[in-house]
PDB file of N, CA and C in Angstrom:
ATOM      1  N   MET A   1      63.116 -93.474 124.365  1.00  0.00           N
ATOM      2  CA  MET A   1      62.460 -92.329 124.976  1.00  0.00           C
ATOM      3  C   MET A   1      63.433 -91.143 124.925  1.00  0.00           C
ATOM      4  N   THR A   2      62.931 -89.989 124.513  1.00  0.00           N
ATOM      5  CA  THR A   2      63.775 -88.800 124.432  1.00  0.00           C
ATOM      6  C   THR A   2      63.904 -88.133 125.793  1.00  0.00           C
ATOM      7  N   ASN A   3      64.860 -87.226 125.895  1.00  0.00           N
ATOM      8  CA  ASN A   3      65.057 -86.479 127.127  1.00  0.00           C
ATOM      9  C   ASN A   3      63.803 -85.688 127.491  1.00  0.00           C
ATOM     10  N   LEU A   4      63.138 -85.102 126.494  1.00  0.00           N
ATOM     11  CA  LEU A   4      61.901 -84.355 126.749  1.00  0.00           C
ATOM     12  C   LEU A   4      60.821 -85.281 127.306  1.00  0.00           C
ATOM     13  N   ASP A   5      60.691 -86.467 126.727  1.00  0.00           N
ATOM     14  CA  ASP A   5      59.723 -87.443 127.245  1.00  0.00           C
ATOM     15  C   ASP A   5      60.022 -87.776 128.704  1.00  0.00           C
ATOM     16  N   SER A   6      61.288 -87.965 129.029  1.00  0.00           N
ATOM     17  CA  SER A   6      61.682 -88.286 130.406  1.00  0.00           C
ATOM     18  C   SER A   6      61.304 -87.168 131.364  1.00  0.00           C
ATOM     19  N   LYS A   7      61.541 -85.928 130.947  1.00  0.00           N
ATOM     20  CA  LYS A   7      61.196 -84.785 131.797  1.00  0.00           C
ATOM     21  C   LYS A   7      59.687 -84.693 132.001  1.00  0.00           C
ATOM     22  N   ILE A   8      58.930 -84.892 130.937  1.00  0.00           N
ATOM     23  CA  ILE A   8      57.475 -84.833 131.044  1.00  0.00           C
ATOM     24  C   ILE A   8      56.968 -85.962 131.941  1.00  0.00           C
ATOM     25  N   ASN A   9      57.477 -87.163 131.751  1.00  0.00           N
ATOM     26  CA  ASN A   9      57.042 -88.300 132.573  1.00  0.00           C
ATOM     27  C   ASN A   9      57.406 -88.111 134.041  1.00  0.00           C
ATOM     28  N   GLY A  10      58.444 -87.314 134.312  1.00  0.00           N
ATOM     29  CA  GLY A  10      58.867 -87.072 135.682  1.00  0.00           C
ATOM     30  C   GLY A  10      58.108 -85.968 136.393  1.00  0.00           C
ATOM     31  N   LEU A  11      57.240 -85.257 135.667  1.00  0.00           N
ATOM     32  CA  LEU A  11      56.475 -84.175 136.289  1.00  0.00           C
ATOM     33  C   LEU A  11      55.516 -84.721 137.347  1.00  0.00           C
ATOM     34  N   LEU A  12      55.525 -84.094 138.489  1.00  0.00           N
ATOM     35  CA  LEU A  12      54.550 -84.404 139.525  1.00  0.00           C
ATOM     36  C   LEU A  12      53.365 -83.454 139.367  1.00  0.00           C
ATOM     37  N   ALA A  13      52.249 -83.797 139.960  1.00  0.00           N
ATOM     38  CA  ALA A  13      51.061 -82.943 139.892  1.00  0.00           C
ATOM     39  C   ALA A  13      51.409 -81.524 140.326  1.00  0.00           C
ATOM     40  N   GLY A  14      51.036 -80.549 139.508  1.00  0.00           N
ATOM     41  CA  GLY A  14      51.281 -79.145 139.815  1.00  0.00           C
ATOM     42  C   GLY A  14      52.627 -78.608 139.341  1.00  0.00           C
ATOM     43  N   GLN A  15      53.483 -79.447 138.802  1.00  0.00           N
ATOM     44  CA  GLN A  15      54.800 -78.994 138.345  1.00  0.00           C
ATOM     45  C   GLN A  15      54.770 -78.594 136.875  1.00  0.00           C
ATOM     46  N   SER A  16      55.783 -77.792 136.490  1.00  0.00           N
ATOM     47  CA  SER A  16      55.934 -77.386 135.094  1.00  0.00           C
ATOM     48  C   SER A  16      57.413 -77.159 134.806  1.00  0.00           C
ATOM     49  N   PHE A  17      57.744 -77.062 133.525  1.00  0.00           N
ATOM     50  CA  PHE A  17      59.081 -76.656 133.128  1.00  0.00           C
ATOM     51  C   PHE A  17      59.023 -76.017 131.750  1.00  0.00           C
ATOM     52  N   ILE A  18      60.044 -75.222 131.461  1.00  0.00           N
ATOM     53  CA  ILE A  18      60.123 -74.500 130.190  1.00  0.00           C
ATOM     54  C   ILE A  18      60.698 -75.425 129.122  1.00  0.00           C
ATOM     55  N   ILE A  19      60.005 -75.477 127.987  1.00  0.00           N
ATOM     56  CA  ILE A  19      60.459 -76.267 126.846  1.00  0.00           C
ATOM     57  C   ILE A  19      61.390 -75.427 125.979  1.00  0.00           C
ATOM     58  N   SER A  20      60.976 -74.171 125.700  1.00  0.00           N
ATOM     59  CA  SER A  20      61.787 -73.316 124.835  1.00  0.00           C
ATOM     60  C   SER A  20      61.408 -71.851 125.023  1.00  0.00           C
ATOM     61  N   THR A  21      62.317 -70.989 124.597  1.00  0.00           N
ATOM     62  CA  THR A  21      62.070 -69.550 124.584  1.00  0.00           C
ATOM     63  C   THR A  21      62.588 -69.007 123.255  1.00  0.00           C
ATOM     64  N   PHE A  22      61.762 -68.179 122.596  1.00  0.00           N
ATOM     65  CA  PHE A  22      62.147 -67.594 121.311  1.00  0.00           C
ATOM     66  C   PHE A  22      61.420 -66.263 121.149  1.00  0.00           C
ATOM     67  N   LYS A  23      62.173 -65.223 120.864  1.00  0.00           N
ATOM     68  CA  LYS A  23      61.601 -63.884 120.654  1.00  0.00           C
ATOM     69  C   LYS A  23      60.620 -63.498 121.763  1.00  0.00           C
ATOM     70  N   ASN A  24      61.047 -63.661 123.002  1.00  0.00           N
ATOM     71  CA  ASN A  24      60.264 -63.281 124.183  1.00  0.00           C
ATOM     72  C   ASN A  24      58.959 -64.064 124.349  1.00  0.00           C
ATOM     73  N   ILE A  25      58.867 -65.214 123.710  1.00  0.00           N
ATOM     74  CA  ILE A  25      57.745 -66.119 123.918  1.00  0.00           C
ATOM     75  C   ILE A  25      58.307 -67.383 124.559  1.00  0.00           C
ATOM     76  N   THR A  26      57.735 -67.761 125.688  1.00  0.00           N
ATOM     77  CA  THR A  26      58.192 -68.948 126.411  1.00  0.00           C
ATOM     78  C   THR A  26      57.152 -70.048 126.270  1.00  0.00           C
ATOM     79  N   CYS A  27      57.598 -71.229 125.895  1.00  0.00           N
ATOM     80  CA  CYS A  27      56.718 -72.392 125.813  1.00  0.00           C
ATOM     81  C   CYS A  27      57.049 -73.310 126.983  1.00  0.00           C
ATOM     82  N   SER A  28      56.017 -73.748 127.665  1.00  0.00           N
ATOM     83  CA  SER A  28      56.220 -74.623 128.815  1.00  0.00           C
ATOM     84  C   SER A  28      55.185 -75.739 128.797  1.00  0.00           C
ATOM     85  N   VAL A  29      55.454 -76.750 129.601  1.00  0.00           N
ATOM     86  CA  VAL A  29      54.506 -77.845 129.788  1.00  0.00           C
ATOM     87  C   VAL A  29      54.231 -77.926 131.285  1.00  0.00           C
ATOM     88  N   GLU A  30      52.977 -78.147 131.637  1.00  0.00           N
ATOM     89  CA  GLU A  30      52.613 -78.238 133.049  1.00  0.00           C
ATOM     90  C   GLU A  30      51.637 -79.388 133.252  1.00  0.00           C
ATOM     91  N   ARG A  31      51.763 -80.010 134.410  1.00  0.00           N
ATOM     92  CA  ARG A  31      50.838 -81.067 134.785  1.00  0.00           C
ATOM     93  C   ARG A  31      49.846 -80.470 135.767  1.00  0.00           C
ATOM     94  N   THR A  32      48.575 -80.728 135.555  1.00  0.00           N
ATOM     95  CA  THR A  32      47.546 -80.127 136.400  1.00  0.00           C
ATOM     96  C   THR A  32      47.668 -80.620 137.841  1.00  0.00           C
ATOM     97  N   GLY A  33      47.036 -79.896 138.736  1.00  0.00           N
ATOM     98  CA  GLY A  33      47.091 -80.214 140.156  1.00  0.00           C
ATOM     99  C   GLY A  33      46.573 -81.595 140.501  1.00  0.00           C
ATOM    100  N   ASP A  34      45.610 -82.083 139.722  1.00  0.00           N
ATOM    101  CA  ASP A  34      45.116 -83.438 139.977  1.00  0.00           C
ATOM    102  C   ASP A  34      45.965 -84.494 139.279  1.00  0.00           C
ATOM    103  N   GLY A  35      46.941 -84.042 138.470  1.00  0.00           N
ATOM    104  CA  GLY A  35      47.876 -84.955 137.816  1.00  0.00           C
ATOM    105  C   GLY A  35      47.354 -85.661 136.590  1.00  0.00           C
ATOM    106  N   LYS A  36      46.132 -85.363 136.156  1.00  0.00           N
ATOM    107  CA  LYS A  36      45.506 -86.116 135.074  1.00  0.00           C
ATOM    108  C   LYS A  36      45.700 -85.517 133.681  1.00  0.00           C
ATOM    109  N   THR A  37      46.143 -84.264 133.596  1.00  0.00           N
ATOM    110  CA  THR A  37      46.218 -83.577 132.312  1.00  0.00           C
ATOM    111  C   THR A  37      47.551 -82.855 132.168  1.00  0.00           C
ATOM    112  N   LEU A  38      48.065 -82.839 130.934  1.00  0.00           N
ATOM    113  CA  LEU A  38      49.209 -82.001 130.595  1.00  0.00           C
ATOM    114  C   LEU A  38      48.699 -80.834 129.775  1.00  0.00           C
ATOM    115  N   ARG A  39      49.251 -79.648 130.052  1.00  0.00           N
ATOM    116  CA  ARG A  39      48.919 -78.454 129.266  1.00  0.00           C
ATOM    117  C   ARG A  39      50.214 -77.911 128.686  1.00  0.00           C
ATOM    118  N   PHE A  40      50.174 -77.562 127.429  1.00  0.00           N
ATOM    119  CA  PHE A  40      51.295 -76.905 126.771  1.00  0.00           C
ATOM    120  C   PHE A  40      50.896 -75.442 126.600  1.00  0.00           C
ATOM    121  N   VAL A  41      51.747 -74.545 127.107  1.00  0.00           N
ATOM    122  CA  VAL A  41      51.378 -73.141 127.266  1.00  0.00           C
ATOM    123  C   VAL A  41      52.418 -72.238 126.607  1.00  0.00           C
ATOM    124  N   ARG A  42      51.948 -71.214 125.882  1.00  0.00           N
ATOM    125  CA  ARG A  42      52.805 -70.132 125.388  1.00  0.00           C
ATOM    126  C   ARG A  42      52.561 -68.919 126.273  1.00  0.00           C
ATOM    127  N   THR A  43      53.640 -68.351 126.804  1.00  0.00           N
ATOM    128  CA  THR A  43      53.537 -67.140 127.609  1.00  0.00           C
ATOM    129  C   THR A  43      54.244 -66.026 126.864  1.00  0.00           C
ATOM    130  N   PHE A  44      53.553 -64.902 126.689  1.00  0.00           N
ATOM    131  CA  PHE A  44      54.065 -63.791 125.906  1.00  0.00           C
ATOM    132  C   PHE A  44      54.716 -62.749 126.810  1.00  0.00           C
ATOM    133  N   GLU A  45      55.482 -61.866 126.192  1.00  0.00           N
ATOM    134  CA  GLU A  45      56.252 -60.855 126.911  1.00  0.00           C
ATOM    135  C   GLU A  45      55.382 -60.005 127.835  1.00  0.00           C
ATOM    136  N   ASN A  46      54.156 -59.735 127.434  1.00  0.00           N
ATOM    137  CA  ASN A  46      53.270 -58.883 128.236  1.00  0.00           C
ATOM    138  C   ASN A  46      52.581 -59.640 129.376  1.00  0.00           C
ATOM    139  N   GLY A  47      52.909 -60.935 129.535  1.00  0.00           N
ATOM    140  CA  GLY A  47      52.337 -61.729 130.619  1.00  0.00           C
ATOM    141  C   GLY A  47      51.113 -62.532 130.229  1.00  0.00           C
ATOM    142  N   SER A  48      50.547 -62.261 129.058  1.00  0.00           N
ATOM    143  CA  SER A  48      49.400 -63.055 128.621  1.00  0.00           C
ATOM    144  C   SER A  48      49.886 -64.443 128.203  1.00  0.00           C
ATOM    145  N   PHE A  49      48.964 -65.380 128.145  1.00  0.00           N
ATOM    146  CA  PHE A  49      49.340 -66.744 127.785  1.00  0.00           C
ATOM    147  C   PHE A  49      48.204 -67.408 127.036  1.00  0.00           C
ATOM    148  N   GLU A  50      48.550 -68.491 126.361  1.00  0.00           N
ATOM    149  CA  GLU A  50      47.538 -69.319 125.716  1.00  0.00           C
ATOM    150  C   GLU A  50      47.915 -70.777 125.903  1.00  0.00           C
ATOM    151  N   VAL A  51      46.917 -71.589 126.189  1.00  0.00           N
ATOM    152  CA  VAL A  51      47.098 -73.031 126.245  1.00  0.00           C
ATOM    153  C   VAL A  51      46.867 -73.518 124.823  1.00  0.00           C
ATOM    154  N   TYR A  52      47.935 -74.028 124.188  1.00  0.00           N
ATOM    155  CA  TYR A  52      47.789 -74.409 122.786  1.00  0.00           C
ATOM    156  C   TYR A  52      47.607 -75.914 122.597  1.00  0.00           C
ATOM    157  N   GLU A  53      47.719 -76.677 123.655  1.00  0.00           N
ATOM    158  CA  GLU A  53      47.497 -78.126 123.559  1.00  0.00           C
ATOM    159  C   GLU A  53      47.210 -78.672 124.949  1.00  0.00           C
ATOM    160  N   THR A  54      46.249 -79.549 125.054  1.00  0.00           N
ATOM    161  CA  THR A  54      46.017 -80.292 126.294  1.00  0.00           C
ATOM    162  C   THR A  54      45.917 -81.766 125.929  1.00  0.00           C
ATOM    163  N   THR A  55      46.327 -82.601 126.856  1.00  0.00           N
ATOM    164  CA  THR A  55      46.252 -84.036 126.628  1.00  0.00           C
ATOM    165  C   THR A  55      46.143 -84.746 127.970  1.00  0.00           C
ATOM    166  N   ASP A  56      45.508 -85.885 127.978  1.00  0.00           N
ATOM    167  CA  ASP A  56      45.471 -86.714 129.173  1.00  0.00           C
ATOM    168  C   ASP A  56      46.875 -87.171 129.479  1.00  0.00           C
ATOM    169  N   PHE A  57      47.229 -87.252 130.757  1.00  0.00           N
ATOM    170  CA  PHE A  57      48.562 -87.677 131.145  1.00  0.00           C
ATOM    171  C   PHE A  57      48.598 -89.189 131.306  1.00  0.00           C
ATOM    172  N   TYR A  58      49.473 -89.793 130.530  1.00  0.00           N
ATOM    173  CA  TYR A  58      49.740 -91.234 130.630  1.00  0.00           C
ATOM    174  C   TYR A  58      51.224 -91.408 130.791  1.00  0.00           C
ATOM    175  N   PHE A  59      51.634 -92.113 131.807  1.00  0.00           N
ATOM    176  CA  PHE A  59      53.054 -92.381 132.003  1.00  0.00           C
ATOM    177  C   PHE A  59      53.496 -93.357 130.921  1.00  0.00           C
ATOM    178  N   VAL A  60      54.553 -92.974 130.193  1.00  0.00           N
ATOM    179  CA  VAL A  60      55.071 -93.825 129.103  1.00  0.00           C
ATOM    180  C   VAL A  60      56.207 -94.661 129.624  1.00  0.00           C
TER     181      VAL A  60
END
């Protein structure tokens, strides 16, 4: 299991963390409030964002 996998598996419902930042774009992963879904999000410099991936949350 990679360090990123460990961090994702450790997320509690409603938590998030930043995966990377490049050219004023921040990529993060968040677990939904009900804990059932992970969302991968790009946040842009102007504050807009896009969810570029969603997946059911399964503890590995």
